[in-house]
Amino acid sequence: MSRLFIGCPIDSDSSELIARALSPWQTKQQQVQWLQRDNWHMTLAFVGEVEDSIERELAMSMATDLSDQQCLAVSLLNLSAFPDAHSEILVAQVMASPALETLHHICTNLCANLSVPQHSGKYRPHITLAHNARSLLPRLLPLKLSGHLDIRQVALYRSEVIDNKRSYRIIHQCALRQVRPTKHNC
């Protein structure tokens, strides 16, 4: 059994932008549980605990169903508590767009086609940055992020615990189709 989700890796420019915004706040004395930068991702669909056979079928379905999707650029908005203002999770909010909603819909349908139940709430794209961050949230929430996230791949991730820390490892990856370059697409 594996704990899986489908998401988008964070491009290096976006990762650097977010890291610079957070760096003044990341001290060792805090109880905040910061995610390592290589674990940052934007979730498209949570799969959950599944048998290895489902993992293989999901990887094959991703290759087929995502092959004609174009890469895209979406705006990074601001830092926020997630899922609501009283939460202890710090995230970078990502602006929803029709193309991003389409990717989310394809991924949730891939899961549904394999009888994996999906969350029925509204999709709220974000990048999780830290847990147990309540003490920092009042100071961080006014921070706006002016940049964009290039989405060039969709990946199937395995969530594992290594040395008492959660780690997210890409086990299958699908490149999205490149389009003619413009200022704000990948």
N, C-alpha and C. Protein backbone atom coordinates (compact mmCIF):
# COMPACT_ATOMS: atom_id res chain seq x y z
N MET A 1 0.84 -1.19 0.00
CA MET A 1 0.00 0.00 0.00
C MET A 1 0.88 1.24 0.00
N SER A 2 0.45 2.22 -0.76
CA SER A 2 1.17 3.49 -0.85
C SER A 2 0.20 4.63 -0.65
N ARG A 3 0.70 5.71 -0.03
CA ARG A 3 -0.08 6.95 0.13
C ARG A 3 0.34 7.87 -1.01
N LEU A 4 -0.59 8.19 -1.91
CA LEU A 4 -0.27 8.90 -3.14
C LEU A 4 -1.08 10.17 -3.31
N PHE A 5 -0.55 11.08 -4.13
CA PHE A 5 -1.31 12.23 -4.60
C PHE A 5 -0.73 12.65 -5.95
N ILE A 6 -1.52 13.41 -6.68
CA ILE A 6 -1.09 13.94 -7.98
C ILE A 6 -0.87 15.44 -7.80
N GLY A 7 0.26 15.93 -8.28
CA GLY A 7 0.55 17.34 -8.11
C GLY A 7 1.51 17.86 -9.17
N CYS A 8 1.88 19.11 -9.00
CA CYS A 8 2.80 19.77 -9.92
C CYS A 8 4.06 20.17 -9.16
N PRO A 9 5.22 19.78 -9.65
CA PRO A 9 6.46 20.24 -9.05
C PRO A 9 6.57 21.77 -9.19
N ILE A 10 7.29 22.39 -8.27
CA ILE A 10 7.46 23.85 -8.29
C ILE A 10 8.73 24.19 -9.06
N ASP A 11 8.61 25.07 -10.05
CA ASP A 11 9.78 25.46 -10.84
C ASP A 11 10.76 26.25 -9.98
N SER A 12 12.01 26.29 -10.38
CA SER A 12 13.07 26.88 -9.55
C SER A 12 12.88 28.38 -9.32
N ASP A 13 12.39 29.13 -10.31
CA ASP A 13 12.18 30.57 -10.10
C ASP A 13 11.11 30.82 -9.05
N SER A 14 10.01 30.08 -9.11
CA SER A 14 8.93 30.24 -8.12
C SER A 14 9.41 29.81 -6.74
N SER A 15 10.15 28.73 -6.68
CA SER A 15 10.68 28.24 -5.42
C SER A 15 11.60 29.28 -4.79
N GLU A 16 12.42 29.90 -5.58
CA GLU A 16 13.34 30.93 -5.08
C GLU A 16 12.58 32.15 -4.59
N LEU A 17 11.57 32.58 -5.31
CA LEU A 17 10.74 33.72 -4.91
C LEU A 17 10.10 33.47 -3.55
N ILE A 18 9.50 32.30 -3.37
CA ILE A 18 8.85 31.96 -2.11
C ILE A 18 9.88 31.85 -0.99
N ALA A 19 11.01 31.22 -1.26
CA ALA A 19 12.06 31.06 -0.24
C ALA A 19 12.58 32.41 0.22
N ARG A 20 12.76 33.36 -0.70
CA ARG A 20 13.21 34.71 -0.30
C ARG A 20 12.18 35.39 0.58
N ALA A 21 10.91 35.22 0.28
CA ALA A 21 9.86 35.84 1.11
C ALA A 21 9.83 35.25 2.52
N LEU A 22 10.15 33.95 2.64
CA LEU A 22 10.09 33.28 3.93
C LEU A 22 11.37 33.40 4.76
N SER A 23 12.50 33.63 4.12
CA SER A 23 13.80 33.54 4.81
C SER A 23 13.90 34.38 6.08
N PRO A 24 13.36 35.60 6.17
CA PRO A 24 13.49 36.33 7.43
C PRO A 24 12.74 35.69 8.60
N TRP A 25 11.81 34.81 8.29
CA TRP A 25 10.94 34.24 9.32
C TRP A 25 11.36 32.84 9.75
N GLN A 26 12.28 32.24 9.07
CA GLN A 26 12.67 30.86 9.36
C GLN A 26 13.83 30.81 10.34
N THR A 27 13.48 30.72 11.62
CA THR A 27 14.52 30.60 12.66
C THR A 27 14.37 29.26 13.36
N LYS A 28 15.42 28.80 13.94
CA LYS A 28 15.44 27.48 14.59
C LYS A 28 14.66 27.47 15.92
N GLN A 29 14.47 28.63 16.56
CA GLN A 29 13.80 28.67 17.85
C GLN A 29 12.29 28.40 17.75
N GLN A 30 11.73 28.59 16.59
CA GLN A 30 10.29 28.45 16.42
C GLN A 30 9.86 26.99 16.45
N GLN A 31 8.62 26.79 16.79
CA GLN A 31 8.02 25.46 16.76
C GLN A 31 7.44 25.14 15.38
N VAL A 32 7.62 26.05 14.45
CA VAL A 32 7.08 25.87 13.09
C VAL A 32 7.78 24.69 12.42
N GLN A 33 6.99 23.86 11.76
CA GLN A 33 7.53 22.71 11.02
C GLN A 33 7.56 23.08 9.53
N TRP A 34 8.72 23.58 9.09
CA TRP A 34 8.89 24.01 7.71
C TRP A 34 9.07 22.79 6.80
N LEU A 35 8.39 22.80 5.66
CA LEU A 35 8.62 21.76 4.66
C LEU A 35 9.91 22.09 3.91
N GLN A 36 10.68 21.08 3.60
CA GLN A 36 11.87 21.28 2.79
C GLN A 36 11.46 21.73 1.39
N ARG A 37 12.24 22.59 0.78
CA ARG A 37 11.90 23.11 -0.55
C ARG A 37 11.68 22.00 -1.57
N ASP A 38 12.43 20.91 -1.48
CA ASP A 38 12.24 19.84 -2.46
C ASP A 38 10.93 19.08 -2.25
N ASN A 39 10.21 19.38 -1.17
CA ASN A 39 8.89 18.79 -0.94
C ASN A 39 7.75 19.71 -1.38
N TRP A 40 8.06 20.93 -1.77
CA TRP A 40 7.01 21.85 -2.20
C TRP A 40 6.40 21.36 -3.50
N HIS A 41 5.09 21.46 -3.59
CA HIS A 41 4.34 21.04 -4.77
C HIS A 41 2.96 21.68 -4.71
N MET A 42 2.25 21.65 -5.79
CA MET A 42 0.85 22.09 -5.80
C MET A 42 0.00 20.86 -6.09
N THR A 43 -0.81 20.46 -5.13
CA THR A 43 -1.63 19.27 -5.27
C THR A 43 -2.77 19.50 -6.27
N LEU A 44 -2.98 18.53 -7.14
CA LEU A 44 -4.12 18.54 -8.06
C LEU A 44 -5.20 17.57 -7.59
N ALA A 45 -4.81 16.44 -7.03
CA ALA A 45 -5.79 15.45 -6.54
C ALA A 45 -5.12 14.57 -5.48
N PHE A 46 -5.80 14.38 -4.38
CA PHE A 46 -5.31 13.48 -3.34
C PHE A 46 -5.83 12.08 -3.66
N VAL A 47 -4.94 11.12 -3.66
CA VAL A 47 -5.33 9.74 -3.98
C VAL A 47 -5.57 8.96 -2.69
N GLY A 48 -4.65 9.05 -1.74
CA GLY A 48 -4.77 8.33 -0.47
C GLY A 48 -4.02 7.01 -0.50
N GLU A 49 -4.35 6.13 0.44
CA GLU A 49 -3.72 4.82 0.56
C GLU A 49 -4.32 3.88 -0.48
N VAL A 50 -3.48 3.38 -1.37
CA VAL A 50 -3.96 2.49 -2.42
C VAL A 50 -3.01 1.32 -2.62
N GLU A 51 -3.54 0.27 -3.20
CA GLU A 51 -2.73 -0.92 -3.55
C GLU A 51 -1.77 -0.56 -4.68
N ASP A 52 -0.70 -1.33 -4.80
CA ASP A 52 0.30 -1.10 -5.84
C ASP A 52 -0.29 -1.19 -7.24
N SER A 53 -1.30 -2.05 -7.42
CA SER A 53 -1.92 -2.18 -8.74
C SER A 53 -2.60 -0.87 -9.16
N ILE A 54 -3.21 -0.17 -8.22
CA ILE A 54 -3.85 1.12 -8.51
C ILE A 54 -2.77 2.14 -8.88
N GLU A 55 -1.65 2.09 -8.18
CA GLU A 55 -0.53 3.00 -8.49
C GLU A 55 -0.09 2.84 -9.94
N ARG A 56 0.08 1.61 -10.39
CA ARG A 56 0.50 1.36 -11.76
C ARG A 56 -0.56 1.82 -12.76
N GLU A 57 -1.83 1.52 -12.49
CA GLU A 57 -2.91 1.93 -13.39
C GLU A 57 -3.02 3.45 -13.47
N LEU A 58 -2.83 4.10 -12.34
CA LEU A 58 -2.90 5.56 -12.30
C LEU A 58 -1.78 6.18 -13.13
N ALA A 59 -0.58 5.65 -13.01
CA ALA A 59 0.55 6.14 -13.80
C ALA A 59 0.27 5.98 -15.30
N MET A 60 -0.25 4.84 -15.71
CA MET A 60 -0.56 4.62 -17.13
C MET A 60 -1.66 5.57 -17.59
N SER A 61 -2.69 5.76 -16.78
CA SER A 61 -3.79 6.66 -17.14
C SER A 61 -3.32 8.10 -17.24
N MET A 62 -2.42 8.50 -16.34
CA MET A 62 -1.88 9.87 -16.41
C MET A 62 -1.18 10.10 -17.74
N ALA A 63 -0.36 9.13 -18.16
CA ALA A 63 0.38 9.28 -19.41
C ALA A 63 -0.56 9.47 -20.59
N THR A 64 -1.68 8.77 -20.58
CA THR A 64 -2.65 8.86 -21.67
C THR A 64 -3.48 10.14 -21.58
N ASP A 65 -4.07 10.38 -20.41
CA ASP A 65 -5.05 11.46 -20.27
C ASP A 65 -4.44 12.86 -20.19
N LEU A 66 -3.17 12.96 -19.85
CA LEU A 66 -2.53 14.28 -19.74
C LEU A 66 -1.67 14.63 -20.95
N SER A 67 -1.55 13.71 -21.90
CA SER A 67 -0.60 13.90 -23.02
C SER A 67 -0.93 15.10 -23.89
N ASP A 68 -2.19 15.50 -23.99
CA ASP A 68 -2.52 16.63 -24.85
C ASP A 68 -2.71 17.94 -24.09
N GLN A 69 -2.43 17.95 -22.80
CA GLN A 69 -2.59 19.18 -22.01
C GLN A 69 -1.36 20.07 -22.15
N GLN A 70 -1.61 21.37 -22.29
CA GLN A 70 -0.52 22.32 -22.45
C GLN A 70 0.02 22.77 -21.10
N CYS A 71 1.32 23.11 -21.10
CA CYS A 71 1.87 23.71 -19.89
C CYS A 71 1.23 25.09 -19.72
N LEU A 72 1.30 25.62 -18.51
CA LEU A 72 0.66 26.90 -18.24
C LEU A 72 1.40 27.65 -17.15
N ALA A 73 1.13 28.93 -17.06
CA ALA A 73 1.67 29.77 -16.00
C ALA A 73 0.49 30.32 -15.21
N VAL A 74 0.56 30.20 -13.90
CA VAL A 74 -0.49 30.74 -13.03
C VAL A 74 0.16 31.69 -12.03
N SER A 75 -0.60 32.65 -11.55
CA SER A 75 -0.07 33.66 -10.64
C SER A 75 0.02 33.15 -9.21
N LEU A 76 1.14 33.50 -8.57
CA LEU A 76 1.26 33.31 -7.13
C LEU A 76 0.63 34.54 -6.49
N LEU A 77 -0.21 34.34 -5.47
CA LEU A 77 -0.95 35.46 -4.91
C LEU A 77 -0.34 36.02 -3.62
N ASN A 78 -0.39 35.22 -2.56
CA ASN A 78 0.05 35.68 -1.25
C ASN A 78 0.23 34.49 -0.32
N LEU A 79 0.72 34.77 0.87
CA LEU A 79 0.80 33.74 1.90
C LEU A 79 -0.52 33.74 2.64
N SER A 80 -0.93 32.56 3.12
CA SER A 80 -2.25 32.44 3.73
C SER A 80 -2.28 31.27 4.70
N ALA A 81 -3.21 31.32 5.63
CA ALA A 81 -3.52 30.15 6.46
C ALA A 81 -4.41 29.24 5.62
N PHE A 82 -4.31 27.94 5.84
CA PHE A 82 -5.11 27.00 5.05
C PHE A 82 -5.60 25.87 5.94
N PRO A 83 -6.83 25.42 5.82
CA PRO A 83 -7.84 25.81 4.83
C PRO A 83 -8.63 27.05 5.19
N ASP A 84 -8.50 27.55 6.44
CA ASP A 84 -9.21 28.77 6.81
C ASP A 84 -8.31 29.61 7.72
N ALA A 85 -8.79 30.78 8.10
CA ALA A 85 -7.99 31.74 8.86
C ALA A 85 -7.57 31.22 10.23
N HIS A 86 -8.24 30.20 10.76
CA HIS A 86 -7.92 29.67 12.09
C HIS A 86 -6.97 28.49 12.05
N SER A 87 -6.50 28.13 10.87
CA SER A 87 -5.63 26.96 10.71
C SER A 87 -4.18 27.29 11.04
N GLU A 88 -3.39 26.25 11.21
CA GLU A 88 -1.97 26.40 11.53
C GLU A 88 -1.07 26.07 10.34
N ILE A 89 -1.65 25.90 9.18
CA ILE A 89 -0.89 25.56 7.98
C ILE A 89 -0.65 26.84 7.18
N LEU A 90 0.62 27.07 6.83
CA LEU A 90 1.00 28.22 6.01
C LEU A 90 1.16 27.76 4.57
N VAL A 91 0.51 28.48 3.65
CA VAL A 91 0.58 28.13 2.23
C VAL A 91 0.84 29.37 1.39
N ALA A 92 1.33 29.14 0.18
CA ALA A 92 1.35 30.17 -0.86
C ALA A 92 0.13 29.90 -1.73
N GLN A 93 -0.75 30.87 -1.80
CA GLN A 93 -1.94 30.69 -2.62
C GLN A 93 -1.60 30.89 -4.08
N VAL A 94 -2.24 30.08 -4.92
CA VAL A 94 -2.07 30.12 -6.37
C VAL A 94 -3.41 30.51 -6.97
N MET A 95 -3.38 31.42 -7.94
CA MET A 95 -4.64 31.86 -8.56
C MET A 95 -5.22 30.75 -9.44
N ALA A 96 -6.47 30.45 -9.21
CA ALA A 96 -7.16 29.46 -10.04
C ALA A 96 -7.34 30.04 -11.45
N SER A 97 -7.35 29.15 -12.41
CA SER A 97 -7.59 29.56 -13.81
C SER A 97 -8.35 28.43 -14.48
N PRO A 98 -9.00 28.70 -15.59
CA PRO A 98 -9.71 27.61 -16.30
C PRO A 98 -8.77 26.46 -16.67
N ALA A 99 -7.56 26.74 -17.11
CA ALA A 99 -6.63 25.68 -17.50
C ALA A 99 -6.21 24.85 -16.27
N LEU A 100 -6.01 25.51 -15.15
CA LEU A 100 -5.65 24.80 -13.92
C LEU A 100 -6.83 23.95 -13.43
N GLU A 101 -8.02 24.50 -13.51
CA GLU A 101 -9.22 23.75 -13.14
C GLU A 101 -9.37 22.51 -14.03
N THR A 102 -9.03 22.64 -15.31
CA THR A 102 -9.08 21.50 -16.23
C THR A 102 -8.11 20.41 -15.79
N LEU A 103 -6.87 20.79 -15.45
CA LEU A 103 -5.90 19.80 -14.96
C LEU A 103 -6.42 19.10 -13.70
N HIS A 104 -6.95 19.89 -12.78
CA HIS A 104 -7.52 19.32 -11.54
C HIS A 104 -8.64 18.33 -11.87
N HIS A 105 -9.52 18.73 -12.77
CA HIS A 105 -10.66 17.88 -13.14
C HIS A 105 -10.19 16.57 -13.78
N ILE A 106 -9.21 16.64 -14.68
CA ILE A 106 -8.67 15.43 -15.31
C ILE A 106 -8.12 14.49 -14.23
N CYS A 107 -7.36 15.06 -13.29
CA CYS A 107 -6.73 14.22 -12.26
C CYS A 107 -7.75 13.61 -11.31
N THR A 108 -8.78 14.35 -10.93
CA THR A 108 -9.80 13.77 -10.06
C THR A 108 -10.59 12.70 -10.81
N ASN A 109 -10.80 12.90 -12.12
CA ASN A 109 -11.49 11.87 -12.91
C ASN A 109 -10.64 10.61 -13.05
N LEU A 110 -9.32 10.77 -13.19
CA LEU A 110 -8.43 9.60 -13.24
C LEU A 110 -8.63 8.76 -11.98
N CYS A 111 -8.69 9.44 -10.84
CA CYS A 111 -8.88 8.73 -9.56
C CYS A 111 -10.26 8.08 -9.49
N ALA A 112 -11.28 8.84 -9.88
CA ALA A 112 -12.64 8.32 -9.83
C ALA A 112 -12.80 7.10 -10.73
N ASN A 113 -12.15 7.11 -11.90
CA ASN A 113 -12.23 5.97 -12.82
C ASN A 113 -11.61 4.71 -12.23
N LEU A 114 -10.74 4.87 -11.24
CA LEU A 114 -10.13 3.72 -10.55
C LEU A 114 -10.79 3.47 -9.20
N SER A 115 -11.98 4.06 -9.02
CA SER A 115 -12.78 3.90 -7.78
C SER A 115 -12.07 4.44 -6.55
N VAL A 116 -11.27 5.51 -6.73
CA VAL A 116 -10.65 6.19 -5.61
C VAL A 116 -11.53 7.39 -5.28
N PRO A 117 -12.13 7.42 -4.07
CA PRO A 117 -13.02 8.53 -3.72
C PRO A 117 -12.28 9.87 -3.70
N GLN A 118 -12.96 10.93 -4.10
CA GLN A 118 -12.36 12.26 -4.15
C GLN A 118 -13.11 13.23 -3.24
N HIS A 119 -12.36 14.22 -2.74
CA HIS A 119 -12.92 15.30 -1.93
C HIS A 119 -13.87 16.10 -2.81
N SER A 120 -15.03 16.43 -2.30
CA SER A 120 -16.04 17.10 -3.12
C SER A 120 -16.03 18.62 -2.98
N GLY A 121 -15.17 19.17 -2.14
CA GLY A 121 -15.14 20.63 -1.96
C GLY A 121 -14.52 21.35 -3.14
N LYS A 122 -14.58 22.66 -3.08
CA LYS A 122 -14.02 23.50 -4.14
C LYS A 122 -12.49 23.36 -4.15
N TYR A 123 -11.91 23.30 -5.33
CA TYR A 123 -10.46 23.22 -5.48
C TYR A 123 -9.85 24.58 -5.19
N ARG A 124 -8.89 24.59 -4.26
CA ARG A 124 -8.21 25.82 -3.87
C ARG A 124 -6.70 25.60 -4.03
N PRO A 125 -6.14 25.95 -5.19
CA PRO A 125 -4.73 25.65 -5.45
C PRO A 125 -3.80 26.40 -4.50
N HIS A 126 -2.81 25.68 -4.00
CA HIS A 126 -1.86 26.26 -3.05
C HIS A 126 -0.61 25.40 -2.96
N ILE A 127 0.42 25.96 -2.35
CA ILE A 127 1.66 25.25 -2.08
C ILE A 127 1.84 25.26 -0.57
N THR A 128 1.83 24.10 0.07
CA THR A 128 2.01 24.04 1.52
C THR A 128 3.48 24.30 1.85
N LEU A 129 3.70 25.21 2.80
CA LEU A 129 5.06 25.62 3.17
C LEU A 129 5.43 25.22 4.59
N ALA A 130 4.45 25.22 5.51
CA ALA A 130 4.78 24.93 6.91
C ALA A 130 3.52 24.48 7.66
N HIS A 131 3.76 23.68 8.69
CA HIS A 131 2.72 23.27 9.64
C HIS A 131 3.06 23.89 11.00
N ASN A 132 2.07 23.97 11.87
CA ASN A 132 2.27 24.51 13.22
C ASN A 132 2.78 25.95 13.14
N ALA A 133 2.23 26.72 12.21
CA ALA A 133 2.73 28.07 11.95
C ALA A 133 1.85 29.18 12.53
N ARG A 134 0.95 28.85 13.44
CA ARG A 134 0.01 29.85 13.97
C ARG A 134 0.72 31.09 14.50
N SER A 135 1.87 30.92 15.19
CA SER A 135 2.56 32.07 15.79
C SER A 135 3.08 33.05 14.73
N LEU A 136 3.37 32.57 13.54
CA LEU A 136 3.90 33.43 12.47
C LEU A 136 2.82 34.05 11.60
N LEU A 137 1.66 33.43 11.55
CA LEU A 137 0.66 33.84 10.57
C LEU A 137 0.29 35.32 10.63
N PRO A 138 0.10 35.93 11.81
CA PRO A 138 -0.27 37.36 11.80
C PRO A 138 0.78 38.24 11.13
N ARG A 139 2.05 37.88 11.22
CA ARG A 139 3.10 38.69 10.60
C ARG A 139 3.30 38.36 9.12
N LEU A 140 3.01 37.15 8.72
CA LEU A 140 3.27 36.72 7.35
C LEU A 140 2.12 36.98 6.39
N LEU A 141 0.91 36.98 6.89
CA LEU A 141 -0.24 37.03 5.99
C LEU A 141 -0.33 38.29 5.14
N PRO A 142 0.21 39.42 5.57
CA PRO A 142 0.16 40.57 4.65
C PRO A 142 1.11 40.44 3.45
N LEU A 143 2.00 39.45 3.44
CA LEU A 143 2.99 39.33 2.36
C LEU A 143 2.34 38.86 1.06
N LYS A 144 2.51 39.68 0.04
CA LYS A 144 2.03 39.34 -1.30
C LYS A 144 3.20 38.71 -2.07
N LEU A 145 2.88 37.82 -2.96
CA LEU A 145 3.88 37.19 -3.82
C LEU A 145 3.63 37.66 -5.24
N SER A 146 4.55 38.38 -5.80
CA SER A 146 4.36 38.84 -7.18
C SER A 146 5.23 37.99 -8.10
N GLY A 147 4.62 37.02 -8.67
CA GLY A 147 5.33 36.13 -9.57
C GLY A 147 4.35 35.13 -10.15
N HIS A 148 4.87 34.22 -10.92
CA HIS A 148 4.00 33.18 -11.48
C HIS A 148 4.68 31.83 -11.32
N LEU A 149 3.86 30.80 -11.38
CA LEU A 149 4.29 29.42 -11.26
C LEU A 149 4.16 28.78 -12.64
N ASP A 150 5.29 28.29 -13.17
CA ASP A 150 5.26 27.59 -14.45
C ASP A 150 4.93 26.12 -14.20
N ILE A 151 3.83 25.68 -14.76
CA ILE A 151 3.42 24.28 -14.61
C ILE A 151 3.78 23.56 -15.91
N ARG A 152 4.85 22.77 -15.83
CA ARG A 152 5.36 22.07 -17.01
C ARG A 152 5.15 20.57 -16.93
N GLN A 153 4.87 20.08 -15.71
CA GLN A 153 4.71 18.64 -15.50
C GLN A 153 3.61 18.40 -14.47
N VAL A 154 3.06 17.22 -14.57
CA VAL A 154 2.17 16.70 -13.54
C VAL A 154 2.81 15.40 -13.06
N ALA A 155 2.86 15.23 -11.74
CA ALA A 155 3.58 14.08 -11.18
C ALA A 155 2.69 13.30 -10.23
N LEU A 156 2.96 12.01 -10.17
CA LEU A 156 2.36 11.15 -9.15
C LEU A 156 3.40 11.05 -8.04
N TYR A 157 3.00 11.44 -6.84
CA TYR A 157 3.89 11.46 -5.69
C TYR A 157 3.54 10.35 -4.71
N ARG A 158 4.56 9.84 -4.05
CA ARG A 158 4.38 8.92 -2.93
C ARG A 158 4.77 9.68 -1.67
N SER A 159 3.88 9.66 -0.69
CA SER A 159 4.15 10.30 0.60
C SER A 159 4.74 9.25 1.53
N GLU A 160 5.94 9.54 2.07
CA GLU A 160 6.64 8.59 2.94
C GLU A 160 7.12 9.32 4.18
N VAL A 161 7.34 8.57 5.25
CA VAL A 161 7.95 9.13 6.45
C VAL A 161 9.37 8.61 6.53
N ILE A 162 10.32 9.55 6.51
CA ILE A 162 11.75 9.22 6.56
C ILE A 162 12.35 10.04 7.70
N ASP A 163 12.99 9.37 8.66
CA ASP A 163 13.57 10.06 9.82
C ASP A 163 12.55 10.94 10.53
N ASN A 164 11.35 10.41 10.72
CA ASN A 164 10.25 11.10 11.40
C ASN A 164 9.78 12.37 10.68
N LYS A 165 10.10 12.52 9.40
CA LYS A 165 9.63 13.65 8.62
C LYS A 165 8.95 13.14 7.37
N ARG A 166 7.87 13.82 7.00
CA ARG A 166 7.15 13.46 5.79
C ARG A 166 7.96 13.90 4.58
N SER A 167 8.05 13.01 3.59
CA SER A 167 8.78 13.29 2.36
C SER A 167 7.89 12.90 1.19
N TYR A 168 7.97 13.70 0.13
CA TYR A 168 7.16 13.45 -1.06
C TYR A 168 8.09 13.13 -2.22
N ARG A 169 7.95 11.93 -2.75
CA ARG A 169 8.84 11.46 -3.81
C ARG A 169 8.05 11.26 -5.09
N ILE A 170 8.56 11.83 -6.19
CA ILE A 170 7.92 11.65 -7.49
C ILE A 170 8.20 10.23 -7.97
N ILE A 171 7.12 9.50 -8.28
CA ILE A 171 7.28 8.12 -8.77
C ILE A 171 6.89 7.98 -10.24
N HIS A 172 6.19 8.98 -10.78
CA HIS A 172 5.84 9.01 -12.20
C HIS A 172 5.61 10.46 -12.57
N GLN A 173 6.05 10.83 -13.76
CA GLN A 173 5.94 12.22 -14.17
C GLN A 173 5.51 12.31 -15.62
N CYS A 174 4.63 13.25 -15.93
CA CYS A 174 4.16 13.49 -17.29
C CYS A 174 4.47 14.93 -17.67
N ALA A 175 5.22 15.11 -18.74
CA ALA A 175 5.49 16.46 -19.24
C ALA A 175 4.23 16.97 -19.95
N LEU A 176 3.91 18.23 -19.71
CA LEU A 176 2.81 18.86 -20.42
C LEU A 176 3.35 19.41 -21.73
N ARG A 177 2.46 19.53 -22.69
CA ARG A 177 2.85 19.94 -24.04
C ARG A 177 3.29 21.40 -24.04
N GLN A 178 4.45 21.67 -24.65
CA GLN A 178 4.97 23.04 -24.77
C GLN A 178 4.16 23.78 -25.82
N VAL A 179 3.98 25.06 -25.57
CA VAL A 179 3.31 25.94 -26.54
C VAL A 179 4.32 26.98 -26.99
N ARG A 180 3.97 27.70 -28.03
CA ARG A 180 4.86 28.78 -28.48
C ARG A 180 5.09 29.74 -27.33
N PRO A 181 6.34 30.07 -27.01
CA PRO A 181 6.62 30.93 -25.86
C PRO A 181 6.05 32.33 -26.01
N THR A 182 5.46 32.80 -24.91
CA THR A 182 5.06 34.19 -24.77
C THR A 182 5.56 34.65 -23.42
N LYS A 183 5.23 35.86 -23.04
CA LYS A 183 5.76 36.39 -21.79
C LYS A 183 5.36 35.55 -20.59
N HIS A 184 4.11 35.09 -20.52
CA HIS A 184 3.64 34.40 -19.32
C HIS A 184 3.09 33.00 -19.58
N ASN A 185 3.78 32.25 -20.39
CA ASN A 185 3.50 30.82 -20.42
C ASN A 185 4.83 30.10 -20.40
N CYS A 186 4.82 28.83 -20.14
CA CYS A 186 6.08 28.11 -19.98
C CYS A 186 6.54 27.60 -21.32
